[in-house]
Amino acid sequence: MKENANPTLRRGLRILKALKGRSLNGLSNRELAKALGESEANISRAMGALIEEGMAQRLESGRYAPGMQLLHIAQAFSNEMAAGQARIAELNQRVLAGSNN
C-alpha cells in the first residue's frame, strides 16, 4: 500500500489496531499520539469520527477503547468462521463414512 494513500483513513485504522487488547482500560489521547507518532489534535479528530461510527468509545476515565460496532464486527467474523468450521467437519465426516463402504 502506498504510504500517502488516504492518510486520514490510515490514521483511523492505526488507532483501531493500537486499541487492540485495551477494551477495559483503554488508552489516553496522549498515549495514542505517542504510540502512533501523531499529534494529539489529529488523534482527537480521528477519535471523534471513530466514536461517531461506534468503532471506538470514550470510557468514564476519558481514555479510549474499542467501540461496540467494532466488537460486533469481530463477533460476527468469529461466528461465521465457527459455522464454516462446523460445515467442514460435517463434510469430512461424510467423506470418511463414504470411504468405509
PDB file of N, CA and C in Angstrom:
ATOM      1  N   MET A   1       0.845  -1.176   0.000  1.00  0.00           N
ATOM      2  CA  MET A   1       0.000   0.000   0.000  1.00  0.00           C
ATOM      3  C   MET A   1       0.889   1.237   0.000  1.00  0.00           C
ATOM      4  N   LYS A   2       0.511   2.213  -0.753  1.00  0.00           N
ATOM      5  CA  LYS A   2       1.264   3.456  -0.800  1.00  0.00           C
ATOM      6  C   LYS A   2       1.127   4.189   0.530  1.00  0.00           C
ATOM      7  N   GLU A   3       2.252   4.721   0.993  1.00  0.00           N
ATOM      8  CA  GLU A   3       2.269   5.421   2.279  1.00  0.00           C
ATOM      9  C   GLU A   3       1.346   6.636   2.306  1.00  0.00           C
ATOM     10  N   ASN A   4       1.164   7.300   1.169  1.00  0.00           N
ATOM     11  CA  ASN A   4       0.355   8.521   1.159  1.00  0.00           C
ATOM     12  C   ASN A   4      -1.100   8.258   0.781  1.00  0.00           C
ATOM     13  N   ALA A   5      -1.490   6.997   0.683  1.00  0.00           N
ATOM     14  CA  ALA A   5      -2.871   6.652   0.316  1.00  0.00           C
ATOM     15  C   ALA A   5      -3.803   6.949   1.484  1.00  0.00           C
ATOM     16  N   ASN A   6      -4.653   7.947   1.335  1.00  0.00           N
ATOM     17  CA  ASN A   6      -5.659   8.355   2.309  1.00  0.00           C
ATOM     18  C   ASN A   6      -5.131   8.349   3.752  1.00  0.00           C
ATOM     19  N   PRO A   7      -4.315   9.324   4.114  1.00  0.00           N
ATOM     20  CA  PRO A   7      -3.718   9.349   5.450  1.00  0.00           C
ATOM     21  C   PRO A   7      -4.740   9.417   6.583  1.00  0.00           C
ATOM     22  N   THR A   8      -5.886  10.027   6.354  1.00  0.00           N
ATOM     23  CA  THR A   8      -6.904  10.106   7.405  1.00  0.00           C
ATOM     24  C   THR A   8      -7.458   8.725   7.721  1.00  0.00           C
ATOM     25  N   LEU A   9      -7.767   7.969   6.685  1.00  0.00           N
ATOM     26  CA  LEU A   9      -8.260   6.607   6.888  1.00  0.00           C
ATOM     27  C   LEU A   9      -7.193   5.743   7.539  1.00  0.00           C
ATOM     28  N   ARG A  10      -5.968   5.854   7.054  1.00  0.00           N
ATOM     29  CA  ARG A  10      -4.873   5.068   7.630  1.00  0.00           C
ATOM     30  C   ARG A  10      -4.693   5.398   9.117  1.00  0.00           C
ATOM     31  N   ARG A  11      -4.815   6.657   9.487  1.00  0.00           N
ATOM     32  CA  ARG A  11      -4.686   7.059  10.889  1.00  0.00           C
ATOM     33  C   ARG A  11      -5.761   6.368  11.725  1.00  0.00           C
ATOM     34  N   GLY A  12      -7.001   6.385  11.239  1.00  0.00           N
ATOM     35  CA  GLY A  12      -8.087   5.734  11.972  1.00  0.00           C
ATOM     36  C   GLY A  12      -7.856   4.242  12.132  1.00  0.00           C
ATOM     37  N   LEU A  13      -7.381   3.605  11.078  1.00  0.00           N
ATOM     38  CA  LEU A  13      -7.111   2.166  11.150  1.00  0.00           C
ATOM     39  C   LEU A  13      -5.956   1.865  12.100  1.00  0.00           C
ATOM     40  N   ARG A  14      -4.940   2.710  12.094  1.00  0.00           N
ATOM     41  CA  ARG A  14      -3.819   2.519  13.022  1.00  0.00           C
ATOM     42  C   ARG A  14      -4.278   2.706  14.470  1.00  0.00           C
ATOM     43  N   ILE A  15      -5.202   3.627  14.692  1.00  0.00           N
ATOM     44  CA  ILE A  15      -5.754   3.819  16.037  1.00  0.00           C
ATOM     45  C   ILE A  15      -6.484   2.555  16.476  1.00  0.00           C
ATOM     46  N   LEU A  16      -7.311   2.011  15.591  1.00  0.00           N
ATOM     47  CA  LEU A  16      -8.047   0.793  15.945  1.00  0.00           C
ATOM     48  C   LEU A  16      -7.091  -0.342  16.278  1.00  0.00           C
ATOM     49  N   LYS A  17      -6.018  -0.475  15.525  1.00  0.00           N
ATOM     50  CA  LYS A  17      -5.014  -1.506  15.820  1.00  0.00           C
ATOM     51  C   LYS A  17      -4.380  -1.268  17.189  1.00  0.00           C
ATOM     52  N   ALA A  18      -4.101  -0.008  17.505  1.00  0.00           N
ATOM     53  CA  ALA A  18      -3.488   0.329  18.791  1.00  0.00           C
ATOM     54  C   ALA A  18      -4.421   0.024  19.958  1.00  0.00           C
ATOM     55  N   LEU A  19      -5.726   0.074  19.724  1.00  0.00           N
ATOM     56  CA  LEU A  19      -6.704  -0.181  20.790  1.00  0.00           C
ATOM     57  C   LEU A  19      -6.928  -1.673  21.043  1.00  0.00           C
ATOM     58  N   LYS A  20      -6.336  -2.520  20.197  1.00  0.00           N
ATOM     59  CA  LYS A  20      -6.483  -3.972  20.379  1.00  0.00           C
ATOM     60  C   LYS A  20      -6.014  -4.358  21.782  1.00  0.00           C
ATOM     61  N   GLY A  21      -6.840  -5.115  22.489  1.00  0.00           N
ATOM     62  CA  GLY A  21      -6.498  -5.558  23.833  1.00  0.00           C
ATOM     63  C   GLY A  21      -6.652  -4.488  24.899  1.00  0.00           C
ATOM     64  N   ARG A  22      -7.316  -3.401  24.568  1.00  0.00           N
ATOM     65  CA  ARG A  22      -7.475  -2.283  25.508  1.00  0.00           C
ATOM     66  C   ARG A  22      -8.934  -2.000  25.828  1.00  0.00           C
ATOM     67  N   SER A  23      -9.789  -3.016  25.739  1.00  0.00           N
ATOM     68  CA  SER A  23     -11.229  -2.823  25.951  1.00  0.00           C
ATOM     69  C   SER A  23     -11.569  -2.359  27.357  1.00  0.00           C
ATOM     70  N   LEU A  24     -10.832  -2.819  28.348  1.00  0.00           N
ATOM     71  CA  LEU A  24     -11.175  -2.490  29.730  1.00  0.00           C
ATOM     72  C   LEU A  24     -10.570  -1.177  30.212  1.00  0.00           C
ATOM     73  N   ASN A  25      -9.307  -0.935  29.908  1.00  0.00           N
ATOM     74  CA  ASN A  25      -8.628   0.247  30.436  1.00  0.00           C
ATOM     75  C   ASN A  25      -8.370   1.331  29.404  1.00  0.00           C
ATOM     76  N   GLY A  26      -8.433   0.988  28.132  1.00  0.00           N
ATOM     77  CA  GLY A  26      -8.256   1.967  27.073  1.00  0.00           C
ATOM     78  C   GLY A  26      -6.879   2.603  27.036  1.00  0.00           C
ATOM     79  N   LEU A  27      -6.747   3.586  26.181  1.00  0.00           N
ATOM     80  CA  LEU A  27      -5.529   4.387  26.040  1.00  0.00           C
ATOM     81  C   LEU A  27      -5.924   5.855  26.034  1.00  0.00           C
ATOM     82  N   SER A  28      -5.059   6.691  26.560  1.00  0.00           N
ATOM     83  CA  SER A  28      -5.330   8.132  26.540  1.00  0.00           C
ATOM     84  C   SER A  28      -4.990   8.701  25.167  1.00  0.00           C
ATOM     85  N   ASN A  29      -5.482   9.896  24.921  1.00  0.00           N
ATOM     86  CA  ASN A  29      -5.161  10.605  23.690  1.00  0.00           C
ATOM     87  C   ASN A  29      -3.644  10.732  23.556  1.00  0.00           C
ATOM     88  N   ARG A  30      -2.997  11.113  24.623  1.00  0.00           N
ATOM     89  CA  ARG A  30      -1.536  11.292  24.615  1.00  0.00           C
ATOM     90  C   ARG A  30      -0.821   9.978  24.323  1.00  0.00           C
ATOM     91  N   GLU A  31      -1.279   8.881  24.938  1.00  0.00           N
ATOM     92  CA  GLU A  31      -0.656   7.575  24.696  1.00  0.00           C
ATOM     93  C   GLU A  31      -0.806   7.153  23.234  1.00  0.00           C
ATOM     94  N   LEU A  32      -1.994   7.376  22.681  1.00  0.00           N
ATOM     95  CA  LEU A  32      -2.210   7.052  21.268  1.00  0.00           C
ATOM     96  C   LEU A  32      -1.315   7.907  20.375  1.00  0.00           C
ATOM     97  N   ALA A  33      -1.252   9.199  20.659  1.00  0.00           N
ATOM     98  CA  ALA A  33      -0.431  10.104  19.848  1.00  0.00           C
ATOM     99  C   ALA A  33       1.031   9.669  19.871  1.00  0.00           C
ATOM    100  N   LYS A  34       1.526   9.347  21.042  1.00  0.00           N
ATOM    101  CA  LYS A  34       2.926   8.931  21.173  1.00  0.00           C
ATOM    102  C   LYS A  34       3.171   7.604  20.459  1.00  0.00           C
ATOM    103  N   ALA A  35       2.285   6.642  20.658  1.00  0.00           N
ATOM    104  CA  ALA A  35       2.455   5.317  20.053  1.00  0.00           C
ATOM    105  C   ALA A  35       2.420   5.375  18.529  1.00  0.00           C
ATOM    106  N   LEU A  36       1.626   6.292  17.990  1.00  0.00           N
ATOM    107  CA  LEU A  36       1.438   6.354  16.541  1.00  0.00           C
ATOM    108  C   LEU A  36       2.249   7.458  15.864  1.00  0.00           C
ATOM    109  N   GLY A  37       2.958   8.243  16.660  1.00  0.00           N
ATOM    110  CA  GLY A  37       3.738   9.332  16.083  1.00  0.00           C
ATOM    111  C   GLY A  37       2.866  10.400  15.450  1.00  0.00           C
ATOM    112  N   GLU A  38       1.736  10.666  16.071  1.00  0.00           N
ATOM    113  CA  GLU A  38       0.764  11.649  15.568  1.00  0.00           C
ATOM    114  C   GLU A  38       0.607  12.766  16.599  1.00  0.00           C
ATOM    115  N   SER A  39       0.032  13.870  16.170  1.00  0.00           N
ATOM    116  CA  SER A  39      -0.273  14.938  17.121  1.00  0.00           C
ATOM    117  C   SER A  39      -1.535  14.567  17.901  1.00  0.00           C
ATOM    118  N   GLU A  40      -1.646  15.108  19.088  1.00  0.00           N
ATOM    119  CA  GLU A  40      -2.846  14.860  19.892  1.00  0.00           C
ATOM    120  C   GLU A  40      -4.086  15.412  19.196  1.00  0.00           C
ATOM    121  N   ALA A  41      -3.939  16.514  18.473  1.00  0.00           N
ATOM    122  CA  ALA A  41      -5.077  17.090  17.740  1.00  0.00           C
ATOM    123  C   ALA A  41      -5.557  16.134  16.653  1.00  0.00           C
ATOM    124  N   ASN A  42      -4.630  15.518  15.925  1.00  0.00           N
ATOM    125  CA  ASN A  42      -5.021  14.553  14.892  1.00  0.00           C
ATOM    126  C   ASN A  42      -5.714  13.340  15.499  1.00  0.00           C
ATOM    127  N   ILE A  43      -5.212  12.889  16.637  1.00  0.00           N
ATOM    128  CA  ILE A  43      -5.841  11.746  17.310  1.00  0.00           C
ATOM    129  C   ILE A  43      -7.249  12.134  17.746  1.00  0.00           C
ATOM    130  N   SER A  44      -7.415  13.312  18.312  1.00  0.00           N
ATOM    131  CA  SER A  44      -8.742  13.764  18.760  1.00  0.00           C
ATOM    132  C   SER A  44      -9.733  13.815  17.605  1.00  0.00           C
ATOM    133  N   ARG A  45      -9.307  14.347  16.471  1.00  0.00           N
ATOM    134  CA  ARG A  45     -10.200  14.418  15.306  1.00  0.00           C
ATOM    135  C   ARG A  45     -10.578  13.020  14.827  1.00  0.00           C
ATOM    136  N   ALA A  46      -9.602  12.151  14.728  1.00  0.00           N
ATOM    137  CA  ALA A  46      -9.880  10.789  14.264  1.00  0.00           C
ATOM    138  C   ALA A  46     -10.787  10.058  15.252  1.00  0.00           C
ATOM    139  N   MET A  47     -10.545  10.256  16.547  1.00  0.00           N
ATOM    140  CA  MET A  47     -11.369   9.587  17.553  1.00  0.00           C
ATOM    141  C   MET A  47     -12.811  10.064  17.475  1.00  0.00           C
ATOM    142  N   GLY A  48     -13.023  11.325  17.159  1.00  0.00           N
ATOM    143  CA  GLY A  48     -14.388  11.833  17.008  1.00  0.00           C
ATOM    144  C   GLY A  48     -15.158  11.056  15.960  1.00  0.00           C
ATOM    145  N   ALA A  49     -14.523  10.814  14.819  1.00  0.00           N
ATOM    146  CA  ALA A  49     -15.179  10.054  13.746  1.00  0.00           C
ATOM    147  C   ALA A  49     -15.369   8.598  14.145  1.00  0.00           C
ATOM    148  N   LEU A  50     -14.363   7.997  14.779  1.00  0.00           N
ATOM    149  CA  LEU A  50     -14.466   6.591  15.192  1.00  0.00           C
ATOM    150  C   LEU A  50     -15.573   6.406  16.234  1.00  0.00           C
ATOM    151  N   ILE A  51     -15.684   7.340  17.152  1.00  0.00           N
ATOM    152  CA  ILE A  51     -16.736   7.267  18.174  1.00  0.00           C
ATOM    153  C   ILE A  51     -18.104   7.441  17.530  1.00  0.00           C
ATOM    154  N   GLU A  52     -18.217   8.396  16.626  1.00  0.00           N
ATOM    155  CA  GLU A  52     -19.495   8.642  15.949  1.00  0.00           C
ATOM    156  C   GLU A  52     -19.984   7.396  15.209  1.00  0.00           C
ATOM    157  N   GLU A  53     -19.068   6.624  14.663  1.00  0.00           N
ATOM    158  CA  GLU A  53     -19.421   5.407  13.926  1.00  0.00           C
ATOM    159  C   GLU A  53     -19.502   4.173  14.820  1.00  0.00           C
ATOM    160  N   GLY A  54     -19.255   4.338  16.117  1.00  0.00           N
ATOM    161  CA  GLY A  54     -19.339   3.215  17.049  1.00  0.00           C
ATOM    162  C   GLY A  54     -18.126   2.302  17.032  1.00  0.00           C
ATOM    163  N   MET A  55     -17.062   2.714  16.339  1.00  0.00           N
ATOM    164  CA  MET A  55     -15.869   1.878  16.247  1.00  0.00           C
ATOM    165  C   MET A  55     -14.949   2.063  17.454  1.00  0.00           C
ATOM    166  N   ALA A  56     -15.153   3.129  18.199  1.00  0.00           N
ATOM    167  CA  ALA A  56     -14.395   3.393  19.419  1.00  0.00           C
ATOM    168  C   ALA A  56     -15.345   4.031  20.416  1.00  0.00           C
ATOM    169  N   GLN A  57     -14.925   4.032  21.668  1.00  0.00           N
ATOM    170  CA  GLN A  57     -15.728   4.665  22.712  1.00  0.00           C
ATOM    171  C   GLN A  57     -14.802   5.366  23.697  1.00  0.00           C
ATOM    172  N   ARG A  58     -15.365   6.359  24.355  1.00  0.00           N
ATOM    173  CA  ARG A  58     -14.619   7.056  25.402  1.00  0.00           C
ATOM    174  C   ARG A  58     -15.104   6.504  26.734  1.00  0.00           C
ATOM    175  N   LEU A  59     -14.185   5.954  27.498  1.00  0.00           N
ATOM    176  CA  LEU A  59     -14.520   5.396  28.805  1.00  0.00           C
ATOM    177  C   LEU A  59     -14.746   6.521  29.815  1.00  0.00           C
ATOM    178  N   GLU A  60     -15.325   6.171  30.962  1.00  0.00           N
ATOM    179  CA  GLU A  60     -15.567   7.170  32.010  1.00  0.00           C
ATOM    180  C   GLU A  60     -14.276   7.850  32.442  1.00  0.00           C
ATOM    181  N   SER A  61     -13.170   7.144  32.325  1.00  0.00           N
ATOM    182  CA  SER A  61     -11.861   7.684  32.696  1.00  0.00           C
ATOM    183  C   SER A  61     -11.346   8.708  31.685  1.00  0.00           C
ATOM    184  N   GLY A  62     -12.044   8.819  30.536  1.00  0.00           N
ATOM    185  CA  GLY A  62     -11.595   9.708  29.475  1.00  0.00           C
ATOM    186  C   GLY A  62     -10.687   9.024  28.471  1.00  0.00           C
ATOM    187  N   ARG A  63     -10.339   7.767  28.750  1.00  0.00           N
ATOM    188  CA  ARG A  63      -9.487   7.005  27.844  1.00  0.00           C
ATOM    189  C   ARG A  63     -10.339   6.387  26.740  1.00  0.00           C
ATOM    190  N   TYR A  64      -9.694   5.991  25.666  1.00  0.00           N
ATOM    191  CA  TYR A  64     -10.392   5.430  24.512  1.00  0.00           C
ATOM    192  C   TYR A  64     -10.233   3.921  24.460  1.00  0.00           C
ATOM    193  N   ALA A  65     -11.290   3.252  24.015  1.00  0.00           N
ATOM    194  CA  ALA A  65     -11.310   1.793  23.907  1.00  0.00           C
ATOM    195  C   ALA A  65     -12.078   1.411  22.645  1.00  0.00           C
ATOM    196  N   PRO A  66     -11.946   0.155  22.217  1.00  0.00           N
ATOM    197  CA  PRO A  66     -12.742  -0.286  21.064  1.00  0.00           C
ATOM    198  C   PRO A  66     -14.230  -0.083  21.342  1.00  0.00           C
ATOM    199  N   GLY A  67     -14.978   0.271  20.313  1.00  0.00           N
ATOM    200  CA  GLY A  67     -16.412   0.502  20.447  1.00  0.00           C
ATOM    201  C   GLY A  67     -17.229  -0.739  20.147  1.00  0.00           C
ATOM    202  N   MET A  68     -18.511  -0.650  20.433  1.00  0.00           N
ATOM    203  CA  MET A  68     -19.399  -1.799  20.265  1.00  0.00           C
ATOM    204  C   MET A  68     -19.507  -2.246  18.812  1.00  0.00           C
ATOM    205  N   GLN A  69     -19.503  -1.337  17.863  1.00  0.00           N
ATOM    206  CA  GLN A  69     -19.596  -1.743  16.456  1.00  0.00           C
ATOM    207  C   GLN A  69     -18.390  -2.585  16.058  1.00  0.00           C
ATOM    208  N   LEU A  70     -17.214  -2.198  16.522  1.00  0.00           N
ATOM    209  CA  LEU A  70     -16.009  -2.967  16.224  1.00  0.00           C
ATOM    210  C   LEU A  70     -16.110  -4.356  16.847  1.00  0.00           C
ATOM    211  N   LEU A  71     -16.627  -4.422  18.056  1.00  0.00           N
ATOM    212  CA  LEU A  71     -16.796  -5.709  18.731  1.00  0.00           C
ATOM    213  C   LEU A  71     -17.848  -6.557  18.032  1.00  0.00           C
ATOM    214  N   HIS A  72     -18.900  -5.926  17.515  1.00  0.00           N
ATOM    215  CA  HIS A  72     -19.919  -6.664  16.751  1.00  0.00           C
ATOM    216  C   HIS A  72     -19.322  -7.253  15.478  1.00  0.00           C
ATOM    217  N   ILE A  73     -18.477  -6.498  14.805  1.00  0.00           N
ATOM    218  CA  ILE A  73     -17.819  -6.999  13.594  1.00  0.00           C
ATOM    219  C   ILE A  73     -16.944  -8.205  13.937  1.00  0.00           C
ATOM    220  N   ALA A  74     -16.174  -8.094  15.006  1.00  0.00           N
ATOM    221  CA  ALA A  74     -15.307  -9.199  15.418  1.00  0.00           C
ATOM    222  C   ALA A  74     -16.125 -10.432  15.783  1.00  0.00           C
ATOM    223  N   GLN A  75     -17.231 -10.241  16.493  1.00  0.00           N
ATOM    224  CA  GLN A  75     -18.072 -11.376  16.887  1.00  0.00           C
ATOM    225  C   GLN A  75     -18.721 -12.018  15.673  1.00  0.00           C
ATOM    226  N   ALA A  76     -19.189 -11.218  14.728  1.00  0.00           N
ATOM    227  CA  ALA A  76     -19.796 -11.763  13.510  1.00  0.00           C
ATOM    228  C   ALA A  76     -18.777 -12.576  12.720  1.00  0.00           C
ATOM    229  N   PHE A  77     -17.551 -12.095  12.643  1.00  0.00           N
ATOM    230  CA  PHE A  77     -16.485 -12.834  11.963  1.00  0.00           C
ATOM    231  C   PHE A  77     -16.240 -14.166  12.665  1.00  0.00           C
ATOM    232  N   SER A  78     -16.151 -14.128  13.990  1.00  0.00           N
ATOM    233  CA  SER A  78     -15.928 -15.349  14.763  1.00  0.00           C
ATOM    234  C   SER A  78     -17.058 -16.354  14.557  1.00  0.00           C
ATOM    235  N   ASN A  79     -18.296 -15.874  14.579  1.00  0.00           N
ATOM    236  CA  ASN A  79     -19.449 -16.755  14.360  1.00  0.00           C
ATOM    237  C   ASN A  79     -19.412 -17.380  12.972  1.00  0.00           C
ATOM    238  N   GLU A  80     -19.066 -16.572  11.971  1.00  0.00           N
ATOM    239  CA  GLU A  80     -19.013 -17.074  10.600  1.00  0.00           C
ATOM    240  C   GLU A  80     -17.918 -18.131  10.445  1.00  0.00           C
ATOM    241  N   MET A  81     -16.776 -17.907  11.063  1.00  0.00           N
ATOM    242  CA  MET A  81     -15.686 -18.884  10.991  1.00  0.00           C
ATOM    243  C   MET A  81     -16.072 -20.177  11.706  1.00  0.00           C
ATOM    244  N   ALA A  82     -16.755 -20.068  12.843  1.00  0.00           N
ATOM    245  CA  ALA A  82     -17.196 -21.257  13.574  1.00  0.00           C
ATOM    246  C   ALA A  82     -18.190 -22.056  12.742  1.00  0.00           C
ATOM    247  N   ALA A  83     -19.110 -21.373  12.076  1.00  0.00           N
ATOM    248  CA  ALA A  83     -20.083 -22.063  11.222  1.00  0.00           C
ATOM    249  C   ALA A  83     -19.372 -22.748  10.061  1.00  0.00           C
ATOM    250  N   GLY A  84     -18.379 -22.089   9.498  1.00  0.00           N
ATOM    251  CA  GLY A  84     -17.608 -22.688   8.411  1.00  0.00           C
ATOM    252  C   GLY A  84     -16.850 -23.916   8.868  1.00  0.00           C
ATOM    253  N   GLN A  85     -16.271 -23.849  10.059  1.00  0.00           N
ATOM    254  CA  GLN A  85     -15.547 -24.998  10.602  1.00  0.00           C
ATOM    255  C   GLN A  85     -16.496 -26.159  10.861  1.00  0.00           C
ATOM    256  N   ALA A  86     -17.692 -25.867  11.351  1.00  0.00           N
ATOM    257  CA  ALA A  86     -18.677 -26.923  11.599  1.00  0.00           C
ATOM    258  C   ALA A  86     -19.078 -27.586  10.285  1.00  0.00           C
ATOM    259  N   ARG A  87     -19.256 -26.792   9.248  1.00  0.00           N
ATOM    260  CA  ARG A  87     -19.631 -27.341   7.936  1.00  0.00           C
ATOM    261  C   ARG A  87     -18.506 -28.208   7.372  1.00  0.00           C
ATOM    262  N   ILE A  88     -17.278 -27.780   7.506  1.00  0.00           N
ATOM    263  CA  ILE A  88     -16.137 -28.566   7.039  1.00  0.00           C
ATOM    264  C   ILE A  88     -16.046 -29.876   7.804  1.00  0.00           C
ATOM    265  N   ALA A  89     -16.241 -29.833   9.121  1.00  0.00           N
ATOM    266  CA  ALA A  89     -16.204 -31.053   9.932  1.00  0.00           C
ATOM    267  C   ALA A  89     -17.300 -32.019   9.489  1.00  0.00           C
ATOM    268  N   GLU A  90     -18.488 -31.489   9.204  1.00  0.00           N
ATOM    269  CA  GLU A  90     -19.597 -32.327   8.731  1.00  0.00           C
ATOM    270  C   GLU A  90     -19.238 -32.993   7.402  1.00  0.00           C
ATOM    271  N   LEU A  91     -18.681 -32.237   6.485  1.00  0.00           N
ATOM    272  CA  LEU A  91     -18.289 -32.798   5.189  1.00  0.00           C
ATOM    273  C   LEU A  91     -17.187 -33.844   5.347  1.00  0.00           C
ATOM    274  N   ASN A  92     -16.239 -33.594   6.226  1.00  0.00           N
ATOM    275  CA  ASN A  92     -15.187 -34.578   6.486  1.00  0.00           C
ATOM    276  C   ASN A  92     -15.769 -35.879   7.012  1.00  0.00           C
ATOM    277  N   GLN A  93     -16.749 -35.785   7.904  1.00  0.00           N
ATOM    278  CA  GLN A  93     -17.388 -36.987   8.445  1.00  0.00           C
ATOM    279  C   GLN A  93     -18.084 -37.770   7.339  1.00  0.00           C
ATOM    280  N   ARG A  94     -18.748 -37.066   6.448  1.00  0.00           N
ATOM    281  CA  ARG A  94     -19.441 -37.726   5.337  1.00  0.00           C
ATOM    282  C   ARG A  94     -18.444 -38.401   4.401  1.00  0.00           C
ATOM    283  N   VAL A  95     -17.318 -37.744   4.149  1.00  0.00           N
ATOM    284  CA  VAL A  95     -16.281 -38.335   3.293  1.00  0.00           C
ATOM    285  C   VAL A  95     -15.713 -39.581   3.954  1.00  0.00           C
ATOM    286  N   LEU A  96     -15.414 -39.487   5.237  1.00  0.00           N
ATOM    287  CA  LEU A  96     -14.871 -40.642   5.959  1.00  0.00           C
ATOM    288  C   LEU A  96     -15.869 -41.785   6.006  1.00  0.00           C
ATOM    289  N   ALA A  97     -17.138 -41.472   6.220  1.00  0.00           N
ATOM    290  CA  ALA A  97     -18.174 -42.513   6.257  1.00  0.00           C
ATOM    291  C   ALA A  97     -18.282 -43.192   4.899  1.00  0.00           C
ATOM    292  N   GLY A  98     -18.168 -42.434   3.824  1.00  0.00           N
ATOM    293  CA  GLY A  98     -18.249 -42.993   2.476  1.00  0.00           C
ATOM    294  C   GLY A  98     -17.038 -43.823   2.116  1.00  0.00           C
ATOM    295  N   SER A  99     -15.882 -43.512   2.704  1.00  0.00           N
ATOM    296  CA  SER A  99     -14.669 -44.264   2.371  1.00  0.00           C
ATOM    297  C   SER A  99     -14.630 -45.617   3.059  1.00  0.00           C
ATOM    298  N   ASN A 100     -15.502 -45.815   4.035  1.00  0.00           N
ATOM    299  CA  ASN A 100     -15.566 -47.104   4.735  1.00  0.00           C
ATOM    300  C   ASN A 100     -16.443 -48.103   4.000  1.00  0.00           C
ATOM    301  N   ASN A 101     -17.120 -47.696   2.952  1.00  0.00           N
ATOM    302  CA  ASN A 101     -18.018 -48.591   2.207  1.00  0.00           C
ATOM    303  C   ASN A 101     -17.307 -49.286   1.091  1.00  0.00           C
TER     304      ASN A 101
END
